[in-house]
């Protein structure tokens, strides 16, 4: 099984886009290698802009470039884009519907030893709430490549969340990637896990293990958090009667919240959310942090069993 990071898939795709479209340009805030935009800089130096440690200026500059007809990819760490430059993203990009692609690395606790200051656990929530913003969270390097290409083709601001740590490839990287359309990776009868980012692979492993206990679990790769594929969410709820969400992000405001909002209005069923709670991260290895914050196969298995138990309890009440 191939192991690579989301930022690697992004960096390779950006180089390919540069060859195909002269309108594609890249900016960074002193983090070219960390976000893998240095490959683009080496190939197309005349289309690369090193802004320095000034994320707010980078977003404003990217918006200006977009309004001239270019397709800028503004790159930095998730915490610096979603929080330090939030106002500039809101006004310069979203309010103007500027065609800026904000590609960020270091999302979630798998950042590792850099600790709480660099671990974005609230960025999906911060970006999802902005009008006009599209939010993409690919599962692996192969899907990150497809998401980058799709982002370049979409008119309007996009937030593309990438990981730092190499993870197993769980998508084939060759199928269609349609923004706003989830991918069903596994069918199930008893419960559905709706996951994004690195938790997609974890969900698939959990589903395999649960199948050996006679529990049939579907897995949906929700690579687009906004616009959410509401139809896929409702279909999962109707087919299996309960849902688990799994994300490397706070349960407040991210994928879990988006799914709960959709189901509350369309198909109320028991939902159990796997994600970080109301907390910051800390320094540690990615594996240590995933275990500490409950982002593991064991945690997803437990959540599925709890969701199924809730479903069965409700069914007994209505008999």
C-alpha atoms as a PDB file:
ATOM      1  CA  UNK A   1       0.000   0.000   0.000  1.00  0.00           C
ATOM      2  CA  UNK A   2       1.347   3.418  -0.983  1.00  0.00           C
ATOM      3  CA  UNK A   3       2.017   5.870   1.849  1.00  0.00           C
ATOM      4  CA  UNK A   4       2.214   9.619   1.154  1.00  0.00           C
ATOM      5  CA  UNK A   5       1.040  12.902   2.604  1.00  0.00           C
ATOM      6  CA  UNK A   6      -1.769  15.072   1.309  1.00  0.00           C
ATOM      7  CA  UNK A   7       0.637  17.963   0.852  1.00  0.00           C
ATOM      8  CA  UNK A   8       2.732  15.798  -1.505  1.00  0.00           C
ATOM      9  CA  UNK A   9      -0.284  15.075  -3.695  1.00  0.00           C
ATOM     10  CA  UNK A  10      -1.079  18.776  -3.759  1.00  0.00           C
ATOM     11  CA  UNK A  11       2.463  19.819  -4.679  1.00  0.00           C
ATOM     12  CA  UNK A  12       2.629  17.396  -7.577  1.00  0.00           C
ATOM     13  CA  UNK A  13      -0.780  18.454  -8.879  1.00  0.00           C
ATOM     14  CA  UNK A  14       0.165  22.122  -8.712  1.00  0.00           C
ATOM     15  CA  UNK A  15       3.201  21.507 -10.937  1.00  0.00           C
ATOM     16  CA  UNK A  16       0.965  19.717 -13.443  1.00  0.00           C
ATOM     17  CA  UNK A  17      -1.546  22.558 -13.373  1.00  0.00           C
ATOM     18  CA  UNK A  18       1.248  25.044 -13.994  1.00  0.00           C
ATOM     19  CA  UNK A  19       2.144  23.226 -17.200  1.00  0.00           C
ATOM     20  CA  UNK A  20      -1.445  23.125 -18.375  1.00  0.00           C
ATOM     21  CA  UNK A  21      -2.618  26.620 -17.477  1.00  0.00           C
ATOM     22  CA  UNK A  22      -0.458  29.763 -17.476  1.00  0.00           C
ATOM     23  CA  UNK A  23      -3.054  31.510 -15.286  1.00  0.00           C
ATOM     24  CA  UNK A  24      -2.126  29.324 -12.297  1.00  0.00           C
ATOM     25  CA  UNK A  25       0.188  31.119  -9.857  1.00  0.00           C
ATOM     26  CA  UNK A  26       1.332  30.263  -6.344  1.00  0.00           C
ATOM     27  CA  UNK A  27       2.005  32.275  -3.207  1.00  0.00           C
ATOM     28  CA  UNK A  28       3.391  31.281   0.165  1.00  0.00           C
ATOM     29  CA  UNK A  29       4.058  32.862   3.544  1.00  0.00           C
ATOM     30  CA  UNK A  30       7.610  31.592   4.099  1.00  0.00           C
ATOM     31  CA  UNK A  31       6.531  27.924   4.042  1.00  0.00           C
ATOM     32  CA  UNK A  32       7.280  26.795   0.494  1.00  0.00           C
ATOM     33  CA  UNK A  33       8.792  23.405   1.355  1.00  0.00           C
ATOM     34  CA  UNK A  34       6.363  22.703   4.188  1.00  0.00           C
ATOM     35  CA  UNK A  35       3.381  23.044   1.857  1.00  0.00           C
ATOM     36  CA  UNK A  36       5.249  21.507  -1.101  1.00  0.00           C
ATOM     37  CA  UNK A  37       4.859  24.613  -3.236  1.00  0.00           C
ATOM     38  CA  UNK A  38       8.640  24.781  -3.729  1.00  0.00           C
ATOM     39  CA  UNK A  39       8.297  22.310  -6.604  1.00  0.00           C
ATOM     40  CA  UNK A  40       6.120  24.829  -8.443  1.00  0.00           C
ATOM     41  CA  UNK A  41       8.566  27.626  -7.570  1.00  0.00           C
ATOM     42  CA  UNK A  42      11.471  25.699  -9.089  1.00  0.00           C
ATOM     43  CA  UNK A  43       9.546  25.028 -12.291  1.00  0.00           C
ATOM     44  CA  UNK A  44       7.772  28.373 -12.706  1.00  0.00           C
ATOM     45  CA  UNK A  45       9.706  31.015 -10.728  1.00  0.00           C
ATOM     46  CA  UNK A  46       8.039  33.854 -12.627  1.00  0.00           C
ATOM     47  CA  UNK A  47       4.645  32.681 -11.312  1.00  0.00           C
ATOM     48  CA  UNK A  48       5.706  32.170  -7.716  1.00  0.00           C
ATOM     49  CA  UNK A  49       5.407  34.855  -5.025  1.00  0.00           C
ATOM     50  CA  UNK A  50       7.206  34.581  -1.681  1.00  0.00           C
ATOM     51  CA  UNK A  51       5.287  36.957   0.569  1.00  0.00           C
ATOM     52  CA  UNK A  52       7.163  36.194   3.788  1.00  0.00           C
ATOM     53  CA  UNK A  53       5.664  35.769   7.243  1.00  0.00           C
ATOM     54  CA  UNK A  54       2.654  37.919   6.425  1.00  0.00           C
ATOM     55  CA  UNK A  55      -0.358  35.679   5.877  1.00  0.00           C
ATOM     56  CA  UNK A  56      -2.851  38.532   5.802  1.00  0.00           C
ATOM     57  CA  UNK A  57      -0.845  40.270   3.082  1.00  0.00           C
ATOM     58  CA  UNK A  58      -0.632  36.999   1.162  1.00  0.00           C
ATOM     59  CA  UNK A  59      -4.416  36.618   1.101  1.00  0.00           C
ATOM     60  CA  UNK A  60      -4.916  40.215   0.011  1.00  0.00           C
ATOM     61  CA  UNK A  61      -2.320  39.818  -2.716  1.00  0.00           C
ATOM     62  CA  UNK A  62      -3.903  36.559  -3.876  1.00  0.00           C
ATOM     63  CA  UNK A  63      -7.317  38.226  -4.066  1.00  0.00           C
ATOM     64  CA  UNK A  64      -5.848  41.029  -6.172  1.00  0.00           C
ATOM     65  CA  UNK A  65      -4.225  38.540  -8.527  1.00  0.00           C
ATOM     66  CA  UNK A  66      -7.508  36.643  -8.816  1.00  0.00           C
ATOM     67  CA  UNK A  67      -9.398  39.794  -9.750  1.00  0.00           C
ATOM     68  CA  UNK A  68      -6.995  40.255 -12.697  1.00  0.00           C
ATOM     69  CA  UNK A  69      -7.976  36.834 -14.055  1.00  0.00           C
ATOM     70  CA  UNK A  70      -5.258  34.654 -12.563  1.00  0.00           C
ATOM     71  CA  UNK A  71      -5.843  31.492 -10.474  1.00  0.00           C
ATOM     72  CA  UNK A  72      -3.760  31.955  -7.313  1.00  0.00           C
ATOM     73  CA  UNK A  73      -3.010  29.189  -4.841  1.00  0.00           C
ATOM     74  CA  UNK A  74      -2.193  30.802  -1.487  1.00  0.00           C
ATOM     75  CA  UNK A  75      -0.345  28.346   0.733  1.00  0.00           C
ATOM     76  CA  UNK A  76       0.464  28.215   4.440  1.00  0.00           C
ATOM     77  CA  UNK A  77      -0.401  26.211   7.562  1.00  0.00           C
ATOM     78  CA  UNK A  78      -4.083  25.725   8.384  1.00  0.00           C
ATOM     79  CA  UNK A  79      -3.921  27.658  11.660  1.00  0.00           C
ATOM     80  CA  UNK A  80      -2.381  30.694  10.000  1.00  0.00           C
ATOM     81  CA  UNK A  81      -4.867  30.842   7.137  1.00  0.00           C
ATOM     82  CA  UNK A  82      -8.093  30.026   8.954  1.00  0.00           C
ATOM     83  CA  UNK A  83      -7.375  32.158  12.021  1.00  0.00           C
ATOM     84  CA  UNK A  84      -4.685  34.766  11.493  1.00  0.00           C
ATOM     85  CA  UNK A  85      -5.968  35.701   8.028  1.00  0.00           C
ATOM     86  CA  UNK A  86      -9.646  35.013   8.663  1.00  0.00           C
ATOM     87  CA  UNK A  87     -10.787  38.601   8.133  1.00  0.00           C
ATOM     88  CA  UNK A  88      -8.900  38.896   4.843  1.00  0.00           C
ATOM     89  CA  UNK A  89     -10.334  35.599   3.613  1.00  0.00           C
ATOM     90  CA  UNK A  90     -13.823  36.721   4.592  1.00  0.00           C
ATOM     91  CA  UNK A  91     -13.691  40.105   2.891  1.00  0.00           C
ATOM     92  CA  UNK A  92     -11.040  39.972   0.162  1.00  0.00           C
ATOM     93  CA  UNK A  93     -11.907  36.458  -1.001  1.00  0.00           C
ATOM     94  CA  UNK A  94     -15.440  35.490  -0.005  1.00  0.00           C
ATOM     95  CA  UNK A  95     -17.189  38.863  -0.118  1.00  0.00           C
ATOM     96  CA  UNK A  96     -15.662  39.543  -3.536  1.00  0.00           C
ATOM     97  CA  UNK A  97     -16.073  35.917  -4.602  1.00  0.00           C
ATOM     98  CA  UNK A  98     -12.442  36.118  -5.658  1.00  0.00           C
ATOM     99  CA  UNK A  99     -11.094  33.019  -7.352  1.00  0.00           C
ATOM    100  CA  UNK A 100      -8.507  32.249  -4.640  1.00  0.00           C
ATOM    101  CA  UNK A 101      -7.513  28.715  -3.690  1.00  0.00           C
ATOM    102  CA  UNK A 102      -6.297  28.547  -0.096  1.00  0.00           C
ATOM    103  CA  UNK A 103      -4.241  25.351   0.162  1.00  0.00           C
ATOM    104  CA  UNK A 104      -3.152  24.582   3.708  1.00  0.00           C
ATOM    105  CA  UNK A 105      -0.984  21.917   5.275  1.00  0.00           C
ATOM    106  CA  UNK A 106      -0.713  20.840   8.921  1.00  0.00           C
ATOM    107  CA  UNK A 107      -4.404  20.265   9.570  1.00  0.00           C
ATOM    108  CA  UNK A 108      -5.288  18.259  12.701  1.00  0.00           C
ATOM    109  CA  UNK A 109      -3.221  16.596  15.414  1.00  0.00           C
ATOM    110  CA  UNK A 110      -1.107  14.581  12.966  1.00  0.00           C
ATOM    111  CA  UNK A 111       1.028  17.711  12.713  1.00  0.00           C
ATOM    112  CA  UNK A 112       2.717  16.007  15.663  1.00  0.00           C
ATOM    113  CA  UNK A 113       5.495  17.529  17.724  1.00  0.00           C
ATOM    114  CA  UNK A 114       4.851  21.160  16.687  1.00  0.00           C
ATOM    115  CA  UNK A 115       2.084  21.123  19.276  1.00  0.00           C
ATOM    116  CA  UNK A 116      -1.124  23.027  19.966  1.00  0.00           C
ATOM    117  CA  UNK A 117      -0.046  26.304  18.350  1.00  0.00           C
ATOM    118  CA  UNK A 118       0.318  24.602  14.973  1.00  0.00           C
ATOM    119  CA  UNK A 119      -2.458  21.995  15.165  1.00  0.00           C
ATOM    120  CA  UNK A 120      -5.599  23.298  13.486  1.00  0.00           C
ATOM    121  CA  UNK A 121      -8.624  21.663  15.111  1.00  0.00           C
ATOM    122  CA  UNK A 122     -11.110  24.455  14.392  1.00  0.00           C
ATOM    123  CA  UNK A 123     -10.258  25.483  10.813  1.00  0.00           C
ATOM    124  CA  UNK A 124     -12.991  23.562   9.004  1.00  0.00           C
ATOM    125  CA  UNK A 125     -15.578  25.263  11.222  1.00  0.00           C
ATOM    126  CA  UNK A 126     -14.028  28.693  10.638  1.00  0.00           C
ATOM    127  CA  UNK A 127     -14.020  28.256   6.848  1.00  0.00           C
ATOM    128  CA  UNK A 128     -17.299  26.393   6.521  1.00  0.00           C
ATOM    129  CA  UNK A 129     -19.297  29.272   7.971  1.00  0.00           C
ATOM    130  CA  UNK A 130     -18.044  31.805   5.401  1.00  0.00           C
ATOM    131  CA  UNK A 131     -20.453  32.575   2.540  1.00  0.00           C
ATOM    132  CA  UNK A 132     -19.197  31.500  -0.934  1.00  0.00           C
ATOM    133  CA  UNK A 133     -16.419  29.309   0.515  1.00  0.00           C
ATOM    134  CA  UNK A 134     -15.964  25.713  -0.667  1.00  0.00           C
ATOM    135  CA  UNK A 135     -14.228  23.386   1.813  1.00  0.00           C
ATOM    136  CA  UNK A 136     -12.348  20.271   0.652  1.00  0.00           C
ATOM    137  CA  UNK A 137     -10.697  17.657   2.900  1.00  0.00           C
ATOM    138  CA  UNK A 138      -9.196  14.859   0.772  1.00  0.00           C
ATOM    139  CA  UNK A 139      -8.508  11.448   2.295  1.00  0.00           C
ATOM    140  CA  UNK A 140      -4.988  10.832   0.993  1.00  0.00           C
ATOM    141  CA  UNK A 141      -2.320  12.024  -1.440  1.00  0.00           C
ATOM    142  CA  UNK A 142      -4.063  10.544  -4.477  1.00  0.00           C
ATOM    143  CA  UNK A 143      -7.307  12.305  -3.671  1.00  0.00           C
ATOM    144  CA  UNK A 144      -5.457  15.509  -2.757  1.00  0.00           C
ATOM    145  CA  UNK A 145      -4.143  15.572  -6.318  1.00  0.00           C
ATOM    146  CA  UNK A 146      -7.659  15.249  -7.740  1.00  0.00           C
ATOM    147  CA  UNK A 147      -9.011  17.829  -5.294  1.00  0.00           C
ATOM    148  CA  UNK A 148      -6.336  20.333  -6.333  1.00  0.00           C
ATOM    149  CA  UNK A 149      -7.251  19.980  -9.998  1.00  0.00           C
ATOM    150  CA  UNK A 150     -10.966  20.282  -9.195  1.00  0.00           C
ATOM    151  CA  UNK A 151     -10.321  23.377  -7.076  1.00  0.00           C
ATOM    152  CA  UNK A 152      -8.509  25.066  -9.958  1.00  0.00           C
ATOM    153  CA  UNK A 153     -11.460  24.400 -12.243  1.00  0.00           C
ATOM    154  CA  UNK A 154     -14.062  25.762  -9.825  1.00  0.00           C
ATOM    155  CA  UNK A 155     -14.798  29.480  -9.966  1.00  0.00           C
ATOM    156  CA  UNK A 156     -14.697  31.027  -6.492  1.00  0.00           C
ATOM    157  CA  UNK A 157     -12.806  30.693  -3.199  1.00  0.00           C
ATOM    158  CA  UNK A 158     -11.760  27.222  -2.044  1.00  0.00           C
ATOM    159  CA  UNK A 159     -10.220  26.013   1.222  1.00  0.00           C
ATOM    160  CA  UNK A 160      -8.178  22.857   0.599  1.00  0.00           C
ATOM    161  CA  UNK A 161      -7.098  21.117   3.819  1.00  0.00           C
ATOM    162  CA  UNK A 162      -4.020  18.891   3.590  1.00  0.00           C
ATOM    163  CA  UNK A 163      -2.107  16.748   6.047  1.00  0.00           C
ATOM    164  CA  UNK A 164       1.562  16.777   6.973  1.00  0.00           C
ATOM    165  CA  UNK A 165       2.013  13.126   7.920  1.00  0.00           C
ATOM    166  CA  UNK A 166       2.172  10.389   5.263  1.00  0.00           C
ATOM    167  CA  UNK A 167      -0.882   8.117   5.401  1.00  0.00           C
ATOM    168  CA  UNK A 168      -1.895   4.963   3.497  1.00  0.00           C
ATOM    169  CA  UNK A 169      -3.573   5.550   0.145  1.00  0.00           C
ATOM    170  CA  UNK A 170      -7.198   4.407   0.389  1.00  0.00           C
ATOM    171  CA  UNK A 171      -8.549   5.942  -2.826  1.00  0.00           C
ATOM    172  CA  UNK A 172      -7.497   4.915  -6.322  1.00  0.00           C
ATOM    173  CA  UNK A 173      -6.751   8.459  -7.476  1.00  0.00           C
ATOM    174  CA  UNK A 174      -8.129   7.755 -10.941  1.00  0.00           C
ATOM    175  CA  UNK A 175     -11.878   8.061 -10.549  1.00  0.00           C
ATOM    176  CA  UNK A 176     -14.023  11.133 -10.850  1.00  0.00           C
ATOM    177  CA  UNK A 177     -13.645  13.777  -8.160  1.00  0.00           C
ATOM    178  CA  UNK A 178     -16.727  15.953  -8.125  1.00  0.00           C
ATOM    179  CA  UNK A 179     -16.897  18.768  -5.613  1.00  0.00           C
ATOM    180  CA  UNK A 180     -20.006  18.324  -3.490  1.00  0.00           C
ATOM    181  CA  UNK A 181     -20.459  14.623  -4.301  1.00  0.00           C
ATOM    182  CA  UNK A 182     -19.434  12.107  -1.662  1.00  0.00           C
ATOM    183  CA  UNK A 183     -17.936   8.716  -2.511  1.00  0.00           C
ATOM    184  CA  UNK A 184     -19.414   5.536  -1.077  1.00  0.00           C
ATOM    185  CA  UNK A 185     -16.399   3.316  -0.438  1.00  0.00           C
ATOM    186  CA  UNK A 186     -18.256   0.486   1.238  1.00  0.00           C
ATOM    187  CA  UNK A 187     -21.911  -0.510   1.535  1.00  0.00           C
ATOM    188  CA  UNK A 188     -23.404  -1.540   4.868  1.00  0.00           C
ATOM    189  CA  UNK A 189     -26.649  -2.554   6.561  1.00  0.00           C
ATOM    190  CA  UNK A 190     -26.233  -1.774  10.264  1.00  0.00           C
ATOM    191  CA  UNK A 191     -24.524   1.648  10.368  1.00  0.00           C
ATOM    192  CA  UNK A 192     -22.689   4.141   8.181  1.00  0.00           C
ATOM    193  CA  UNK A 193     -19.465   5.955   8.994  1.00  0.00           C
ATOM    194  CA  UNK A 194     -19.171   9.299   7.210  1.00  0.00           C
ATOM    195  CA  UNK A 195     -15.534  10.386   7.346  1.00  0.00           C
ATOM    196  CA  UNK A 196     -13.107  12.887   5.878  1.00  0.00           C
ATOM    197  CA  UNK A 197      -9.345  13.262   5.663  1.00  0.00           C
ATOM    198  CA  UNK A 198      -7.145  10.711   7.414  1.00  0.00           C
ATOM    199  CA  UNK A 199     -10.173   9.283   9.214  1.00  0.00           C
ATOM    200  CA  UNK A 200     -11.433   7.707   5.978  1.00  0.00           C
ATOM    201  CA  UNK A 201      -8.722   5.062   6.175  1.00  0.00           C
ATOM    202  CA  UNK A 202      -9.436   4.565   9.877  1.00  0.00           C
ATOM    203  CA  UNK A 203     -13.144   4.109   9.116  1.00  0.00           C
ATOM    204  CA  UNK A 204     -12.415   1.472   6.476  1.00  0.00           C
ATOM    205  CA  UNK A 205     -10.228  -0.465   8.922  1.00  0.00           C
ATOM    206  CA  UNK A 206     -12.927  -0.260  11.587  1.00  0.00           C
ATOM    207  CA  UNK A 207     -15.542  -1.504   9.117  1.00  0.00           C
ATOM    208  CA  UNK A 208     -13.341  -4.493   8.266  1.00  0.00           C
ATOM    209  CA  UNK A 209     -12.904  -5.383  11.915  1.00  0.00           C
ATOM    210  CA  UNK A 210     -16.598  -4.961  12.714  1.00  0.00           C
ATOM    211  CA  UNK A 211     -17.574  -7.194   9.795  1.00  0.00           C
ATOM    212  CA  UNK A 212     -15.792 -10.048  11.565  1.00  0.00           C
ATOM    213  CA  UNK A 213     -18.194  -9.496  14.469  1.00  0.00           C
ATOM    214  CA  UNK A 214     -21.188  -9.647  12.171  1.00  0.00           C
ATOM    215  CA  UNK A 215     -21.755  -5.867  12.064  1.00  0.00           C
ATOM    216  CA  UNK A 216     -22.160  -4.516   8.519  1.00  0.00           C
ATOM    217  CA  UNK A 217     -20.856  -0.951   8.255  1.00  0.00           C
ATOM    218  CA  UNK A 218     -20.926   1.368   5.250  1.00  0.00           C
ATOM    219  CA  UNK A 219     -18.187   3.961   4.748  1.00  0.00           C
ATOM    220  CA  UNK A 220     -18.704   7.281   2.968  1.00  0.00           C
ATOM    221  CA  UNK A 221     -15.767   9.503   2.025  1.00  0.00           C
ATOM    222  CA  UNK A 222     -17.138  13.028   2.503  1.00  0.00           C
ATOM    223  CA  UNK A 223     -14.243  14.856   0.860  1.00  0.00           C
ATOM    224  CA  UNK A 224     -16.340  18.005   0.445  1.00  0.00           C
ATOM    225  CA  UNK A 225     -17.538  19.492   3.721  1.00  0.00           C
ATOM    226  CA  UNK A 226     -19.130  22.443   1.961  1.00  0.00           C
ATOM    227  CA  UNK A 227     -21.245  22.130  -0.090  1.00  0.00           C
ATOM    228  CA  UNK A 228     -22.193  19.004   1.827  1.00  0.00           C
ATOM    229  CA  UNK A 229     -23.662  16.110  -0.153  1.00  0.00           C
ATOM    230  CA  UNK A 230     -26.910  16.138   1.796  1.00  0.00           C
ATOM    231  CA  UNK A 231     -28.487  13.491  -0.415  1.00  0.00           C
ATOM    232  CA  UNK A 232     -25.681  11.043   0.377  1.00  0.00           C
ATOM    233  CA  UNK A 233     -26.056  11.756   4.098  1.00  0.00           C
ATOM    234  CA  UNK A 234     -29.820  11.232   4.028  1.00  0.00           C
ATOM    235  CA  UNK A 235     -29.472   8.069   1.936  1.00  0.00           C
ATOM    236  CA  UNK A 236     -26.989   6.626   4.442  1.00  0.00           C
ATOM    237  CA  UNK A 237     -29.325   7.397   7.330  1.00  0.00           C
ATOM    238  CA  UNK A 238     -32.311   5.823   5.594  1.00  0.00           C
ATOM    239  CA  UNK A 239     -30.393   2.705   4.549  1.00  0.00           C
ATOM    240  CA  UNK A 240     -28.694   1.915   7.863  1.00  0.00           C
ATOM    241  CA  UNK A 241     -30.672   3.811  10.499  1.00  0.00           C
ATOM    242  CA  UNK A 242     -27.705   5.348  12.317  1.00  0.00           C
ATOM    243  CA  UNK A 243     -24.570   7.322  11.477  1.00  0.00           C
ATOM    244  CA  UNK A 244     -21.083   7.863  12.879  1.00  0.00           C
ATOM    245  CA  UNK A 245     -18.989  10.826  11.757  1.00  0.00           C
ATOM    246  CA  UNK A 246     -15.198  10.761  11.929  1.00  0.00           C
ATOM    247  CA  UNK A 247     -12.880  13.734  11.445  1.00  0.00           C
ATOM    248  CA  UNK A 248      -9.441  14.931  12.543  1.00  0.00           C
ATOM    249  CA  UNK A 249     -11.031  18.141  13.797  1.00  0.00           C
ATOM    250  CA  UNK A 250     -13.201  19.331  16.627  1.00  0.00           C
ATOM    251  CA  UNK A 251     -16.687  17.844  16.779  1.00  0.00           C
ATOM    252  CA  UNK A 252     -17.863  21.447  17.049  1.00  0.00           C
ATOM    253  CA  UNK A 253     -18.596  23.032  13.681  1.00  0.00           C
ATOM    254  CA  UNK A 254     -16.935  20.541  11.356  1.00  0.00           C
ATOM    255  CA  UNK A 255     -18.113  17.449   9.490  1.00  0.00           C
ATOM    256  CA  UNK A 256     -20.020  16.094  12.470  1.00  0.00           C
ATOM    257  CA  UNK A 257     -21.942  19.318  12.874  1.00  0.00           C
ATOM    258  CA  UNK A 258     -22.695  19.527   9.149  1.00  0.00           C
ATOM    259  CA  UNK A 259     -24.049  15.970   9.099  1.00  0.00           C
ATOM    260  CA  UNK A 260     -26.147  16.522  12.232  1.00  0.00           C
ATOM    261  CA  UNK A 261     -27.637  19.693  10.757  1.00  0.00           C
ATOM    262  CA  UNK A 262     -28.606  17.874   7.571  1.00  0.00           C
ATOM    263  CA  UNK A 263     -30.124  14.907   9.376  1.00  0.00           C
ATOM    264  CA  UNK A 264     -32.025  17.044  11.887  1.00  0.00           C
ATOM    265  CA  UNK A 265     -33.899  18.611   8.985  1.00  0.00           C
ATOM    266  CA  UNK A 266     -34.241  15.638   6.649  1.00  0.00           C
ATOM    267  CA  UNK A 267     -33.826  12.257   8.353  1.00  0.00           C
ATOM    268  CA  UNK A 268     -33.337  12.243  12.148  1.00  0.00           C
ATOM    269  CA  UNK A 269     -31.417   9.146  13.260  1.00  0.00           C
ATOM    270  CA  UNK A 270     -28.916   8.452  16.057  1.00  0.00           C
ATOM    271  CA  UNK A 271     -25.537  10.078  15.334  1.00  0.00           C
ATOM    272  CA  UNK A 272     -22.271   9.564  17.211  1.00  0.00           C
ATOM    273  CA  UNK A 273     -19.404  11.950  16.431  1.00  0.00           C
ATOM    274  CA  UNK A 274     -15.739  10.953  16.519  1.00  0.00           C
ATOM    275  CA  UNK A 275     -13.372  13.909  16.669  1.00  0.00           C
ATOM    276  CA  UNK A 276     -11.537  16.062  19.168  1.00  0.00           C
ATOM    277  CA  UNK A 277     -13.639  17.562  21.919  1.00  0.00           C
ATOM    278  CA  UNK A 278     -13.562  21.153  23.147  1.00  0.00           C
ATOM    279  CA  UNK A 279      -9.785  21.200  23.507  1.00  0.00           C
ATOM    280  CA  UNK A 280      -6.426  22.179  22.065  1.00  0.00           C
ATOM    281  CA  UNK A 281      -3.864  19.587  21.023  1.00  0.00           C
ATOM    282  CA  UNK A 282      -0.368  19.133  22.412  1.00  0.00           C
ATOM    283  CA  UNK A 283       3.091  17.963  21.393  1.00  0.00           C
ATOM    284  CA  UNK A 284       3.613  14.284  20.607  1.00  0.00           C
ATOM    285  CA  UNK A 285       4.027  11.884  17.742  1.00  0.00           C
ATOM    286  CA  UNK A 286       1.065  11.642  15.339  1.00  0.00           C
ATOM    287  CA  UNK A 287       0.215   8.123  16.543  1.00  0.00           C
ATOM    288  CA  UNK A 288       0.369   9.140  20.206  1.00  0.00           C
ATOM    289  CA  UNK A 289      -1.907  12.100  19.580  1.00  0.00           C
ATOM    290  CA  UNK A 290      -4.413  10.120  17.532  1.00  0.00           C
ATOM    291  CA  UNK A 291      -4.694   7.683  20.436  1.00  0.00           C
ATOM    292  CA  UNK A 292      -4.939  10.377  23.101  1.00  0.00           C
ATOM    293  CA  UNK A 293      -7.677  12.290  21.294  1.00  0.00           C
ATOM    294  CA  UNK A 294      -9.728   9.248  20.335  1.00  0.00           C
ATOM    295  CA  UNK A 295      -9.096   9.266  16.591  1.00  0.00           C
ATOM    296  CA  UNK A 296      -8.432   5.555  16.248  1.00  0.00           C
ATOM    297  CA  UNK A 297      -9.953   2.422  14.822  1.00  0.00           C
ATOM    298  CA  UNK A 298     -10.984   1.366  18.329  1.00  0.00           C
ATOM    299  CA  UNK A 299     -12.775   4.690  18.832  1.00  0.00           C
ATOM    300  CA  UNK A 300     -14.679   4.365  15.565  1.00  0.00           C
ATOM    301  CA  UNK A 301     -15.648   0.774  16.406  1.00  0.00           C
ATOM    302  CA  UNK A 302     -16.961   1.862  19.804  1.00  0.00           C
ATOM    303  CA  UNK A 303     -18.888   4.723  18.207  1.00  0.00           C
ATOM    304  CA  UNK A 304     -20.512   2.370  15.704  1.00  0.00           C
ATOM    305  CA  UNK A 305     -21.582  -0.013  18.450  1.00  0.00           C
ATOM    306  CA  UNK A 306     -23.015   2.891  20.447  1.00  0.00           C
ATOM    307  CA  UNK A 307     -24.905   4.206  17.404  1.00  0.00           C
ATOM    308  CA  UNK A 308     -26.331   0.745  16.682  1.00  0.00           C
ATOM    309  CA  UNK A 309     -27.378   0.367  20.321  1.00  0.00           C
ATOM    310  CA  UNK A 310     -29.137   3.729  20.199  1.00  0.00           C
ATOM    311  CA  UNK A 311     -30.911   2.713  17.003  1.00  0.00           C
ATOM    312  CA  UNK A 312     -32.064  -0.561  18.515  1.00  0.00           C
ATOM    313  CA  UNK A 313     -33.226   1.207  21.676  1.00  0.00           C
ATOM    314  CA  UNK A 314     -35.349   3.604  19.644  1.00  0.00           C
ATOM    315  CA  UNK A 315     -36.742   0.746  17.608  1.00  0.00           C
ATOM    316  CA  UNK A 316     -37.786  -1.058  20.808  1.00  0.00           C
ATOM    317  CA  UNK A 317     -39.568   2.048  22.062  1.00  0.00           C
ATOM    318  CA  UNK A 318     -41.595   2.338  18.841  1.00  0.00           C
ATOM    319  CA  UNK A 319     -42.639  -1.320  18.697  1.00  0.00           C
END
